[in-house]
């Protein structure tokens, strides 16, 4: 499977609107793109997520990775998207089954060790 979709939540005042985290893996030069109006801290997730995946015993795919945080018009702040991004990469690369996580929403900042 080259596409994984998970659910998370953003913070917007007193509400927590749903955010869909889509991770797509494809061939080509290895890269890691985050789209969907991420702020600086979310963009820094690339390095945290890569280290966390490797230090948790999973393989980090050497492929083109695109992460979409939807809806695009909703600002995304904080490291809360690290966990769903990491899970999406592991699922899209076939290392975990998506069906095991269908009924959950994920939020959490990852340490480089992989700890939440």
PDB file of N, CA and C in Angstrom:
ATOM      1  N   UNK A   1       0.849  -1.183   0.000  1.00  0.00           N
ATOM      2  CA  UNK A   1       0.000   0.000   0.000  1.00  0.00           C
ATOM      3  C   UNK A   1       0.886   1.236   0.000  1.00  0.00           C
ATOM      4  N   UNK A   2       0.643   2.160  -0.884  1.00  0.00           N
ATOM      5  CA  UNK A   2       1.460   3.360  -0.966  1.00  0.00           C
ATOM      6  C   UNK A   2       0.742   4.577  -0.409  1.00  0.00           C
ATOM      7  N   UNK A   3      -0.461   4.388   0.138  1.00  0.00           N
ATOM      8  CA  UNK A   3      -1.227   5.498   0.695  1.00  0.00           C
ATOM      9  C   UNK A   3      -1.793   5.086   2.040  1.00  0.00           C
ATOM     10  N   UNK A   4      -1.644   5.963   3.025  1.00  0.00           N
ATOM     11  CA  UNK A   4      -2.229   5.734   4.348  1.00  0.00           C
ATOM     12  C   UNK A   4      -2.972   6.993   4.760  1.00  0.00           C
ATOM     13  N   UNK A   5      -4.119   6.809   5.404  1.00  0.00           N
ATOM     14  CA  UNK A   5      -4.923   7.929   5.878  1.00  0.00           C
ATOM     15  C   UNK A   5      -5.247   7.707   7.344  1.00  0.00           C
ATOM     16  N   UNK A   6      -4.924   8.704   8.171  1.00  0.00           N
ATOM     17  CA  UNK A   6      -5.220   8.645   9.603  1.00  0.00           C
ATOM     18  C   UNK A   6      -5.926   9.926  10.011  1.00  0.00           C
ATOM     19  N   UNK A   7      -6.519   9.900  11.198  1.00  0.00           N
ATOM     20  CA  UNK A   7      -7.211  11.076  11.717  1.00  0.00           C
ATOM     21  C   UNK A   7      -6.471  11.635  12.916  1.00  0.00           C
ATOM     22  N   UNK A   8      -6.506  12.955  13.024  1.00  0.00           N
ATOM     23  CA  UNK A   8      -5.917  13.656  14.157  1.00  0.00           C
ATOM     24  C   UNK A   8      -6.801  14.860  14.460  1.00  0.00           C
ATOM     25  N   UNK A   9      -6.330  15.747  15.315  1.00  0.00           N
ATOM     26  CA  UNK A   9      -7.071  16.964  15.663  1.00  0.00           C
ATOM     27  C   UNK A   9      -6.116  18.141  15.720  1.00  0.00           C
ATOM     28  N   UNK A  10      -6.589  19.293  15.275  1.00  0.00           N
ATOM     29  CA  UNK A  10      -5.850  20.547  15.415  1.00  0.00           C
ATOM     30  C   UNK A  10      -6.414  21.284  16.622  1.00  0.00           C
ATOM     31  N   UNK A  11      -5.772  22.348  17.017  1.00  0.00           N
ATOM     32  CA  UNK A  11      -6.299  23.205  18.069  1.00  0.00           C
ATOM     33  C   UNK A  11      -6.677  24.536  17.439  1.00  0.00           C
ATOM     34  N   UNK A  12      -7.910  24.964  17.702  1.00  0.00           N
ATOM     35  CA  UNK A  12      -8.397  26.234  17.170  1.00  0.00           C
ATOM     36  C   UNK A  12      -9.268  26.875  18.237  1.00  0.00           C
ATOM     37  N   UNK A  13      -8.649  27.679  19.088  1.00  0.00           N
ATOM     38  CA  UNK A  13      -9.390  28.263  20.205  1.00  0.00           C
ATOM     39  C   UNK A  13      -9.807  27.171  21.168  1.00  0.00           C
ATOM     40  N   UNK A  14     -11.103  27.076  21.433  1.00  0.00           N
ATOM     41  CA  UNK A  14     -11.612  26.049  22.339  1.00  0.00           C
ATOM     42  C   UNK A  14     -12.077  24.799  21.612  1.00  0.00           C
ATOM     43  N   UNK A  15     -11.960  24.785  20.303  1.00  0.00           N
ATOM     44  CA  UNK A  15     -12.389  23.612  19.543  1.00  0.00           C
ATOM     45  C   UNK A  15     -11.173  22.824  19.045  1.00  0.00           C
ATOM     46  N   UNK A  16     -11.449  21.609  18.621  1.00  0.00           N
ATOM     47  CA  UNK A  16     -10.398  20.732  18.093  1.00  0.00           C
ATOM     48  C   UNK A  16     -10.901  20.113  16.793  1.00  0.00           C
ATOM     49  N   UNK A  17     -10.834  20.871  15.690  1.00  0.00           N
ATOM     50  CA  UNK A  17     -11.336  20.348  14.417  1.00  0.00           C
ATOM     51  C   UNK A  17     -10.522  19.155  13.918  1.00  0.00           C
ATOM     52  N   UNK A  18     -11.219  18.241  13.252  1.00  0.00           N
ATOM     53  CA  UNK A  18     -10.559  17.040  12.727  1.00  0.00           C
ATOM     54  C   UNK A  18      -9.603  17.397  11.599  1.00  0.00           C
ATOM     55  N   UNK A  19      -8.469  16.717  11.595  1.00  0.00           N
ATOM     56  CA  UNK A  19      -7.471  16.851  10.535  1.00  0.00           C
ATOM     57  C   UNK A  19      -7.224  15.460   9.962  1.00  0.00           C
ATOM     58  N   UNK A  20      -7.280  15.348   8.660  1.00  0.00           N
ATOM     59  CA  UNK A  20      -6.953  14.100   7.983  1.00  0.00           C
ATOM     60  C   UNK A  20      -5.482  14.145   7.599  1.00  0.00           C
ATOM     61  N   UNK A  21      -4.750  13.119   8.011  1.00  0.00           N
ATOM     62  CA  UNK A  21      -3.325  13.016   7.698  1.00  0.00           C
ATOM     63  C   UNK A  21      -3.179  11.946   6.621  1.00  0.00           C
ATOM     64  N   UNK A  22      -2.804  12.371   5.422  1.00  0.00           N
ATOM     65  CA  UNK A  22      -2.609  11.452   4.307  1.00  0.00           C
ATOM     66  C   UNK A  22      -1.118  11.346   4.021  1.00  0.00           C
ATOM     67  N   UNK A  23      -0.637  10.115   3.900  1.00  0.00           N
ATOM     68  CA  UNK A  23       0.775   9.882   3.591  1.00  0.00           C
ATOM     69  C   UNK A  23       0.844   9.054   2.318  1.00  0.00           C
ATOM     70  N   UNK A  24       1.568   9.569   1.331  1.00  0.00           N
ATOM     71  CA  UNK A  24       1.713   8.883   0.049  1.00  0.00           C
ATOM     72  C   UNK A  24       3.188   8.627  -0.224  1.00  0.00           C
ATOM     73  N   UNK A  25       3.503   7.393  -0.575  1.00  0.00           N
ATOM     74  CA  UNK A  25       4.866   7.013  -0.952  1.00  0.00           C
ATOM     75  C   UNK A  25       4.880   6.695  -2.441  1.00  0.00           C
ATOM     76  N   UNK A  26       5.902   7.182  -3.116  1.00  0.00           N
ATOM     77  CA  UNK A  26       6.034   6.912  -4.541  1.00  0.00           C
ATOM     78  C   UNK A  26       7.513   6.810  -4.890  1.00  0.00           C
ATOM     79  N   UNK A  27       7.787   6.318  -6.077  1.00  0.00           N
ATOM     80  CA  UNK A  27       9.161   6.224  -6.535  1.00  0.00           C
ATOM     81  C   UNK A  27       9.735   7.595  -6.846  1.00  0.00           C
ATOM     82  N   UNK A  28      11.001   7.626  -7.146  1.00  0.00           N
ATOM     83  CA  UNK A  28      11.679   8.885  -7.438  1.00  0.00           C
ATOM     84  C   UNK A  28      12.752   9.153  -6.409  1.00  0.00           C
ATOM     85  N   UNK A  29      13.363  10.311  -6.528  1.00  0.00           N
ATOM     86  CA  UNK A  29      14.400  10.678  -5.563  1.00  0.00           C
ATOM     87  C   UNK A  29      13.798  10.791  -4.172  1.00  0.00           C
ATOM     88  N   UNK A  30      14.458  10.236  -3.158  1.00  0.00           N
ATOM     89  CA  UNK A  30      13.927  10.332  -1.798  1.00  0.00           C
ATOM     90  C   UNK A  30      13.749  11.788  -1.372  1.00  0.00           C
ATOM     91  N   UNK A  31      12.556  12.090  -0.877  1.00  0.00           N
ATOM     92  CA  UNK A  31      12.259  13.420  -0.357  1.00  0.00           C
ATOM     93  C   UNK A  31      11.119  13.291   0.643  1.00  0.00           C
ATOM     94  N   UNK A  32      10.866  14.352   1.387  1.00  0.00           N
ATOM     95  CA  UNK A  32       9.840  14.343   2.429  1.00  0.00           C
ATOM     96  C   UNK A  32       9.168  15.712   2.396  1.00  0.00           C
ATOM     97  N   UNK A  33       7.964  15.789   1.839  1.00  0.00           N
ATOM     98  CA  UNK A  33       7.243  17.055   1.712  1.00  0.00           C
ATOM     99  C   UNK A  33       6.024  17.066   2.619  1.00  0.00           C
ATOM    100  N   UNK A  34       5.821  18.178   3.318  1.00  0.00           N
ATOM    101  CA  UNK A  34       4.639  18.400   4.151  1.00  0.00           C
ATOM    102  C   UNK A  34       3.818  19.508   3.516  1.00  0.00           C
ATOM    103  N   UNK A  35       2.543  19.222   3.223  1.00  0.00           N
ATOM    104  CA  UNK A  35       1.658  20.222   2.633  1.00  0.00           C
ATOM    105  C   UNK A  35       0.398  20.346   3.478  1.00  0.00           C
ATOM    106  N   UNK A  36      -0.312  21.462   3.325  1.00  0.00           N
ATOM    107  CA  UNK A  36      -1.544  21.662   4.074  1.00  0.00           C
ATOM    108  C   UNK A  36      -1.412  22.706   5.160  1.00  0.00           C
ATOM    109  N   UNK A  37      -0.684  23.781   4.921  1.00  0.00           N
ATOM    110  CA  UNK A  37      -0.509  24.913   5.822  1.00  0.00           C
ATOM    111  C   UNK A  37       0.136  24.537   7.160  1.00  0.00           C
ATOM    112  N   UNK A  38       1.244  23.793   7.141  1.00  0.00           N
ATOM    113  CA  UNK A  38       1.935  23.489   8.400  1.00  0.00           C
ATOM    114  C   UNK A  38       2.771  24.676   8.864  1.00  0.00           C
ATOM    115  N   UNK A  39       2.871  24.876  10.190  1.00  0.00           N
ATOM    116  CA  UNK A  39       3.747  25.934  10.699  1.00  0.00           C
ATOM    117  C   UNK A  39       5.166  25.385  10.833  1.00  0.00           C
ATOM    118  N   UNK A  40       6.071  26.198  11.339  1.00  0.00           N
ATOM    119  CA  UNK A  40       7.484  25.814  11.418  1.00  0.00           C
ATOM    120  C   UNK A  40       7.689  24.552  12.242  1.00  0.00           C
ATOM    121  N   UNK A  41       7.009  24.449  13.385  1.00  0.00           N
ATOM    122  CA  UNK A  41       7.198  23.279  14.245  1.00  0.00           C
ATOM    123  C   UNK A  41       6.724  22.000  13.564  1.00  0.00           C
ATOM    124  N   UNK A  42       5.647  22.081  12.798  1.00  0.00           N
ATOM    125  CA  UNK A  42       5.169  20.905  12.070  1.00  0.00           C
ATOM    126  C   UNK A  42       6.161  20.543  10.969  1.00  0.00           C
ATOM    127  N   UNK A  43       6.733  21.543  10.291  1.00  0.00           N
ATOM    128  CA  UNK A  43       7.724  21.264   9.249  1.00  0.00           C
ATOM    129  C   UNK A  43       8.959  20.581   9.821  1.00  0.00           C
ATOM    130  N   UNK A  44       9.293  20.892  11.079  1.00  0.00           N
ATOM    131  CA  UNK A  44      10.434  20.252  11.730  1.00  0.00           C
ATOM    132  C   UNK A  44      10.153  18.789  12.056  1.00  0.00           C
ATOM    133  N   UNK A  45       8.922  18.359  11.910  1.00  0.00           N
ATOM    134  CA  UNK A  45       8.553  16.967  12.175  1.00  0.00           C
ATOM    135  C   UNK A  45       9.330  16.006  11.289  1.00  0.00           C
ATOM    136  N   UNK A  46       9.750  16.447  10.112  1.00  0.00           N
ATOM    137  CA  UNK A  46      10.482  15.554   9.202  1.00  0.00           C
ATOM    138  C   UNK A  46      11.656  14.886   9.903  1.00  0.00           C
ATOM    139  N   UNK A  47      12.458  15.664  10.607  1.00  0.00           N
ATOM    140  CA  UNK A  47      13.646  15.114  11.269  1.00  0.00           C
ATOM    141  C   UNK A  47      13.271  14.265  12.477  1.00  0.00           C
ATOM    142  N   UNK A  48      12.297  14.730  13.277  1.00  0.00           N
ATOM    143  CA  UNK A  48      11.870  13.958  14.446  1.00  0.00           C
ATOM    144  C   UNK A  48      11.264  12.626  14.030  1.00  0.00           C
ATOM    145  N   UNK A  49      10.402  12.654  13.021  1.00  0.00           N
ATOM    146  CA  UNK A  49       9.714  11.443  12.569  1.00  0.00           C
ATOM    147  C   UNK A  49      10.706  10.430  12.003  1.00  0.00           C
ATOM    148  N   UNK A  50      11.643  10.875  11.198  1.00  0.00           N
ATOM    149  CA  UNK A  50      12.637   9.956  10.627  1.00  0.00           C
ATOM    150  C   UNK A  50      13.430   9.261  11.726  1.00  0.00           C
ATOM    151  N   UNK A  51      13.940  10.034  12.684  1.00  0.00           N
ATOM    152  CA  UNK A  51      14.718   9.453  13.783  1.00  0.00           C
ATOM    153  C   UNK A  51      13.856   8.522  14.627  1.00  0.00           C
ATOM    154  N   UNK A  52      12.625   8.923  14.920  1.00  0.00           N
ATOM    155  CA  UNK A  52      11.741   8.103  15.756  1.00  0.00           C
ATOM    156  C   UNK A  52      11.417   6.772  15.087  1.00  0.00           C
ATOM    157  N   UNK A  53      11.163   6.794  13.786  1.00  0.00           N
ATOM    158  CA  UNK A  53      10.866   5.550  13.070  1.00  0.00           C
ATOM    159  C   UNK A  53      12.069   4.612  13.125  1.00  0.00           C
ATOM    160  N   UNK A  54      13.248   5.122  12.823  1.00  0.00           N
ATOM    161  CA  UNK A  54      14.455   4.290  12.831  1.00  0.00           C
ATOM    162  C   UNK A  54      14.761   3.757  14.223  1.00  0.00           C
ATOM    163  N   UNK A  55      14.631   4.599  15.250  1.00  0.00           N
ATOM    164  CA  UNK A  55      14.948   4.178  16.614  1.00  0.00           C
ATOM    165  C   UNK A  55      13.878   3.289  17.234  1.00  0.00           C
ATOM    166  N   UNK A  56      12.742   3.144  16.555  1.00  0.00           N
ATOM    167  CA  UNK A  56      11.681   2.246  17.021  1.00  0.00           C
ATOM    168  C   UNK A  56      11.764   0.885  16.341  1.00  0.00           C
ATOM    169  N   UNK A  57      12.785   0.687  15.517  1.00  0.00           N
ATOM    170  CA  UNK A  57      12.984  -0.614  14.886  1.00  0.00           C
ATOM    171  C   UNK A  57      12.302  -0.782  13.540  1.00  0.00           C
ATOM    172  N   UNK A  58      11.733   0.284  13.004  1.00  0.00           N
ATOM    173  CA  UNK A  58      11.124   0.222  11.678  1.00  0.00           C
ATOM    174  C   UNK A  58      12.101   0.768  10.644  1.00  0.00           C
ATOM    175  N   UNK A  59      11.815   0.500   9.384  1.00  0.00           N
ATOM    176  CA  UNK A  59      12.638   1.032   8.300  1.00  0.00           C
ATOM    177  C   UNK A  59      12.036   2.346   7.817  1.00  0.00           C
ATOM    178  N   UNK A  60      12.897   3.320   7.549  1.00  0.00           N
ATOM    179  CA  UNK A  60      12.431   4.564   6.948  1.00  0.00           C
ATOM    180  C   UNK A  60      12.561   4.408   5.442  1.00  0.00           C
ATOM    181  N   UNK A  61      11.445   4.482   4.707  1.00  0.00           N
ATOM    182  CA  UNK A  61      11.494   4.214   3.267  1.00  0.00           C
ATOM    183  C   UNK A  61      12.311   5.248   2.499  1.00  0.00           C
ATOM    184  N   UNK A  62      13.145   4.771   1.610  1.00  0.00           N
ATOM    185  CA  UNK A  62      13.946   5.644   0.744  1.00  0.00           C
ATOM    186  C   UNK A  62      13.149   5.915  -0.528  1.00  0.00           C
ATOM    187  N   UNK A  63      12.054   6.646  -0.355  1.00  0.00           N
ATOM    188  CA  UNK A  63      11.149   6.959  -1.451  1.00  0.00           C
ATOM    189  C   UNK A  63      10.708   8.408  -1.326  1.00  0.00           C
ATOM    190  N   UNK A  64       9.951   8.863  -2.272  1.00  0.00           N
ATOM    191  CA  UNK A  64       9.366  10.208  -2.202  1.00  0.00           C
ATOM    192  C   UNK A  64       8.143  10.129  -1.288  1.00  0.00           C
ATOM    193  N   UNK A  65       8.157  10.907  -0.211  1.00  0.00           N
ATOM    194  CA  UNK A  65       7.085  10.900   0.784  1.00  0.00           C
ATOM    195  C   UNK A  65       6.374  12.246   0.731  1.00  0.00           C
ATOM    196  N   UNK A  66       5.057  12.201   0.559  1.00  0.00           N
ATOM    197  CA  UNK A  66       4.245  13.412   0.610  1.00  0.00           C
ATOM    198  C   UNK A  66       3.228  13.243   1.724  1.00  0.00           C
ATOM    199  N   UNK A  67       3.199  14.202   2.643  1.00  0.00           N
ATOM    200  CA  UNK A  67       2.243  14.198   3.752  1.00  0.00           C
ATOM    201  C   UNK A  67       1.315  15.388   3.561  1.00  0.00           C
ATOM    202  N   UNK A  68       0.014  15.115   3.498  1.00  0.00           N
ATOM    203  CA  UNK A  68      -0.999  16.159   3.365  1.00  0.00           C
ATOM    204  C   UNK A  68      -1.789  16.245   4.664  1.00  0.00           C
ATOM    205  N   UNK A  69      -1.846  17.453   5.231  1.00  0.00           N
ATOM    206  CA  UNK A  69      -2.642  17.707   6.427  1.00  0.00           C
ATOM    207  C   UNK A  69      -3.869  18.496   5.981  1.00  0.00           C
ATOM    208  N   UNK A  70      -5.028  17.840   5.955  1.00  0.00           N
ATOM    209  CA  UNK A  70      -6.238  18.467   5.420  1.00  0.00           C
ATOM    210  C   UNK A  70      -7.268  18.695   6.528  1.00  0.00           C
ATOM    211  N   UNK A  71      -8.019  19.766   6.474  1.00  0.00           N
ATOM    212  CA  UNK A  71      -8.168  20.716   5.382  1.00  0.00           C
ATOM    213  C   UNK A  71      -7.010  21.705   5.321  1.00  0.00           C
ATOM    214  N   UNK A  72      -6.692  22.136   4.114  1.00  0.00           N
ATOM    215  CA  UNK A  72      -5.526  22.991   3.889  1.00  0.00           C
ATOM    216  C   UNK A  72      -5.686  24.388   4.472  1.00  0.00           C
ATOM    217  N   UNK A  73      -6.911  24.863   4.635  1.00  0.00           N
ATOM    218  CA  UNK A  73      -7.113  26.231   5.123  1.00  0.00           C
ATOM    219  C   UNK A  73      -7.043  26.353   6.643  1.00  0.00           C
ATOM    220  N   UNK A  74      -6.894  25.248   7.347  1.00  0.00           N
ATOM    221  CA  UNK A  74      -6.814  25.247   8.808  1.00  0.00           C
ATOM    222  C   UNK A  74      -5.346  25.250   9.233  1.00  0.00           C
ATOM    223  N   UNK A  75      -4.893  26.270   9.977  1.00  0.00           N
ATOM    224  CA  UNK A  75      -3.491  26.284  10.421  1.00  0.00           C
ATOM    225  C   UNK A  75      -3.189  25.085  11.325  1.00  0.00           C
ATOM    226  N   UNK A  76      -2.030  24.467  11.110  1.00  0.00           N
ATOM    227  CA  UNK A  76      -1.596  23.332  11.931  1.00  0.00           C
ATOM    228  C   UNK A  76      -0.388  23.767  12.736  1.00  0.00           C
ATOM    229  N   UNK A  77      -0.498  23.668  14.064  1.00  0.00           N
ATOM    230  CA  UNK A  77       0.570  24.101  14.958  1.00  0.00           C
ATOM    231  C   UNK A  77       0.972  22.959  15.869  1.00  0.00           C
ATOM    232  N   UNK A  78       2.160  23.030  16.382  1.00  0.00           N
ATOM    233  CA  UNK A  78       2.730  22.124  17.392  1.00  0.00           C
ATOM    234  C   UNK A  78       3.183  20.799  16.795  1.00  0.00           C
ATOM    235  N   UNK A  79       3.830  20.015  17.644  1.00  0.00           N
ATOM    236  CA  UNK A  79       4.351  18.724  17.232  1.00  0.00           C
ATOM    237  C   UNK A  79       3.337  17.608  17.334  1.00  0.00           C
ATOM    238  N   UNK A  80       2.077  17.937  17.554  1.00  0.00           N
ATOM    239  CA  UNK A  80       1.036  16.925  17.756  1.00  0.00           C
ATOM    240  C   UNK A  80       0.837  16.015  16.550  1.00  0.00           C
ATOM    241  N   UNK A  81       1.343  16.403  15.377  1.00  0.00           N
ATOM    242  CA  UNK A  81       1.151  15.597  14.169  1.00  0.00           C
ATOM    243  C   UNK A  81       2.294  14.615  13.919  1.00  0.00           C
ATOM    244  N   UNK A  82       3.325  14.624  14.769  1.00  0.00           N
ATOM    245  CA  UNK A  82       4.444  13.683  14.610  1.00  0.00           C
ATOM    246  C   UNK A  82       3.958  12.237  14.584  1.00  0.00           C
ATOM    247  N   UNK A  83       3.151  11.864  15.575  1.00  0.00           N
ATOM    248  CA  UNK A  83       2.706  10.472  15.695  1.00  0.00           C
ATOM    249  C   UNK A  83       1.874  10.026  14.493  1.00  0.00           C
ATOM    250  N   UNK A  84       0.831  10.773  14.085  1.00  0.00           N
ATOM    251  CA  UNK A  84       0.092  10.297  12.910  1.00  0.00           C
ATOM    252  C   UNK A  84       0.928  10.283  11.627  1.00  0.00           C
ATOM    253  N   UNK A  85       1.872  11.206  11.490  1.00  0.00           N
ATOM    254  CA  UNK A  85       2.741  11.191  10.309  1.00  0.00           C
ATOM    255  C   UNK A  85       3.614   9.938  10.325  1.00  0.00           C
ATOM    256  N   UNK A  86       4.217   9.634  11.466  1.00  0.00           N
ATOM    257  CA  UNK A  86       5.071   8.446  11.577  1.00  0.00           C
ATOM    258  C   UNK A  86       4.275   7.168  11.322  1.00  0.00           C
ATOM    259  N   UNK A  87       3.097   7.068  11.923  1.00  0.00           N
ATOM    260  CA  UNK A  87       2.264   5.882  11.699  1.00  0.00           C
ATOM    261  C   UNK A  87       1.870   5.772  10.231  1.00  0.00           C
ATOM    262  N   UNK A  88       1.558   6.896   9.607  1.00  0.00           N
ATOM    263  CA  UNK A  88       1.204   6.880   8.191  1.00  0.00           C
ATOM    264  C   UNK A  88       2.337   6.372   7.319  1.00  0.00           C
ATOM    265  N   UNK A  89       3.555   6.785   7.622  1.00  0.00           N
ATOM    266  CA  UNK A  89       4.718   6.322   6.853  1.00  0.00           C
ATOM    267  C   UNK A  89       4.920   4.821   7.039  1.00  0.00           C
ATOM    268  N   UNK A  90       4.801   4.357   8.261  1.00  0.00           N
ATOM    269  CA  UNK A  90       4.993   2.930   8.542  1.00  0.00           C
ATOM    270  C   UNK A  90       3.890   2.097   7.876  1.00  0.00           C
ATOM    271  N   UNK A  91       2.655   2.604   7.885  1.00  0.00           N
ATOM    272  CA  UNK A  91       1.546   1.895   7.234  1.00  0.00           C
ATOM    273  C   UNK A  91       1.714   1.916   5.713  1.00  0.00           C
ATOM    274  N   UNK A  92       1.987   3.085   5.147  1.00  0.00           N
ATOM    275  CA  UNK A  92       2.114   3.203   3.688  1.00  0.00           C
ATOM    276  C   UNK A  92       3.257   2.354   3.145  1.00  0.00           C
ATOM    277  N   UNK A  93       4.277   2.129   3.965  1.00  0.00           N
ATOM    278  CA  UNK A  93       5.405   1.302   3.527  1.00  0.00           C
ATOM    279  C   UNK A  93       5.178  -0.181   3.805  1.00  0.00           C
ATOM    280  N   UNK A  94       3.995  -0.538   4.322  1.00  0.00           N
ATOM    281  CA  UNK A  94       3.639  -1.938   4.516  1.00  0.00           C
ATOM    282  C   UNK A  94       4.180  -2.581   5.772  1.00  0.00           C
ATOM    283  N   UNK A  95       4.647  -1.799   6.731  1.00  0.00           N
ATOM    284  CA  UNK A  95       5.214  -2.359   7.955  1.00  0.00           C
ATOM    285  C   UNK A  95       4.170  -2.553   9.054  1.00  0.00           C
ATOM    286  N   UNK A  96       3.012  -1.917   8.930  1.00  0.00           N
ATOM    287  CA  UNK A  96       1.865  -2.096   9.828  1.00  0.00           C
ATOM    288  C   UNK A  96       0.608  -2.180   8.981  1.00  0.00           C
ATOM    289  N   UNK A  97      -0.431  -2.849   9.516  1.00  0.00           N
ATOM    290  CA  UNK A  97      -1.704  -2.944   8.808  1.00  0.00           C
ATOM    291  C   UNK A  97      -2.583  -1.754   9.177  1.00  0.00           C
ATOM    292  N   UNK A  98      -3.137  -1.101   8.176  1.00  0.00           N
ATOM    293  CA  UNK A  98      -4.003   0.058   8.405  1.00  0.00           C
ATOM    294  C   UNK A  98      -5.268  -0.328   9.154  1.00  0.00           C
ATOM    295  N   UNK A  99      -5.782  -1.515   8.910  1.00  0.00           N
ATOM    296  CA  UNK A  99      -7.044  -1.920   9.531  1.00  0.00           C
ATOM    297  C   UNK A  99      -6.952  -1.983  11.052  1.00  0.00           C
ATOM    298  N   UNK A 100      -5.753  -2.146  11.593  1.00  0.00           N
ATOM    299  CA  UNK A 100      -5.585  -2.190  13.048  1.00  0.00           C
ATOM    300  C   UNK A 100      -5.804  -0.826  13.693  1.00  0.00           C
ATOM    301  N   UNK A 101      -5.766   0.253  12.907  1.00  0.00           N
ATOM    302  CA  UNK A 101      -5.808   1.608  13.457  1.00  0.00           C
ATOM    303  C   UNK A 101      -6.988   2.430  12.956  1.00  0.00           C
ATOM    304  N   UNK A 102      -7.929   1.813  12.255  1.00  0.00           N
ATOM    305  CA  UNK A 102      -9.029   2.548  11.629  1.00  0.00           C
ATOM    306  C   UNK A 102      -9.913   3.316  12.608  1.00  0.00           C
ATOM    307  N   UNK A 103     -10.106   2.818  13.803  1.00  0.00           N
ATOM    308  CA  UNK A 103     -11.070   3.409  14.732  1.00  0.00           C
ATOM    309  C   UNK A 103     -10.460   4.419  15.692  1.00  0.00           C
ATOM    310  N   UNK A 104      -9.258   4.889  15.417  1.00  0.00           N
ATOM    311  CA  UNK A 104      -8.558   5.758  16.365  1.00  0.00           C
ATOM    312  C   UNK A 104      -8.170   7.089  15.736  1.00  0.00           C
ATOM    313  N   UNK A 105      -7.995   8.077  16.616  1.00  0.00           N
ATOM    314  CA  UNK A 105      -7.403   9.359  16.232  1.00  0.00           C
ATOM    315  C   UNK A 105      -6.069   9.452  16.950  1.00  0.00           C
ATOM    316  N   UNK A 106      -5.077  10.067  16.298  1.00  0.00           N
ATOM    317  CA  UNK A 106      -3.730  10.100  16.850  1.00  0.00           C
ATOM    318  C   UNK A 106      -3.215  11.520  16.965  1.00  0.00           C
ATOM    319  N   UNK A 107      -2.551  11.792  18.082  1.00  0.00           N
ATOM    320  CA  UNK A 107      -1.876  13.076  18.287  1.00  0.00           C
ATOM    321  C   UNK A 107      -0.745  12.831  19.266  1.00  0.00           C
ATOM    322  N   UNK A 108       0.421  13.369  18.984  1.00  0.00           N
ATOM    323  CA  UNK A 108       1.538  13.242  19.906  1.00  0.00           C
ATOM    324  C   UNK A 108       2.840  13.656  19.262  1.00  0.00           C
ATOM    325  N   UNK A 109       3.651  14.352  20.042  1.00  0.00           N
ATOM    326  CA  UNK A 109       4.986  14.724  19.585  1.00  0.00           C
ATOM    327  C   UNK A 109       5.930  13.577  19.904  1.00  0.00           C
ATOM    328  N   UNK A 110       6.811  13.257  18.975  1.00  0.00           N
ATOM    329  CA  UNK A 110       7.747  12.155  19.154  1.00  0.00           C
ATOM    330  C   UNK A 110       9.123  12.664  19.552  1.00  0.00           C
ATOM    331  N   UNK A 111       9.744  11.937  20.483  1.00  0.00           N
ATOM    332  CA  UNK A 111      11.154  12.168  20.786  1.00  0.00           C
ATOM    333  C   UNK A 111      11.969  11.446  19.721  1.00  0.00           C
ATOM    334  N   UNK A 112      13.228  11.789  19.598  1.00  0.00           N
ATOM    335  CA  UNK A 112      14.081  11.124  18.616  1.00  0.00           C
ATOM    336  C   UNK A 112      14.199   9.634  18.894  1.00  0.00           C
ATOM    337  N   UNK A 113      14.007   9.237  20.144  1.00  0.00           N
ATOM    338  CA  UNK A 113      14.066   7.826  20.527  1.00  0.00           C
ATOM    339  C   UNK A 113      12.842   7.050  20.067  1.00  0.00           C
ATOM    340  N   UNK A 114      11.781   7.756  19.692  1.00  0.00           N
ATOM    341  CA  UNK A 114      10.528   7.114  19.324  1.00  0.00           C
ATOM    342  C   UNK A 114       9.488   7.200  20.419  1.00  0.00           C
ATOM    343  N   UNK A 115       9.877   7.678  21.597  1.00  0.00           N
ATOM    344  CA  UNK A 115       8.918   7.830  22.700  1.00  0.00           C
ATOM    345  C   UNK A 115       7.937   8.949  22.372  1.00  0.00           C
ATOM    346  N   UNK A 116       6.685   8.768  22.828  1.00  0.00           N
ATOM    347  CA  UNK A 116       5.652   9.785  22.600  1.00  0.00           C
ATOM    348  C   UNK A 116       5.697  10.797  23.727  1.00  0.00           C
TER     349      UNK A 116
END
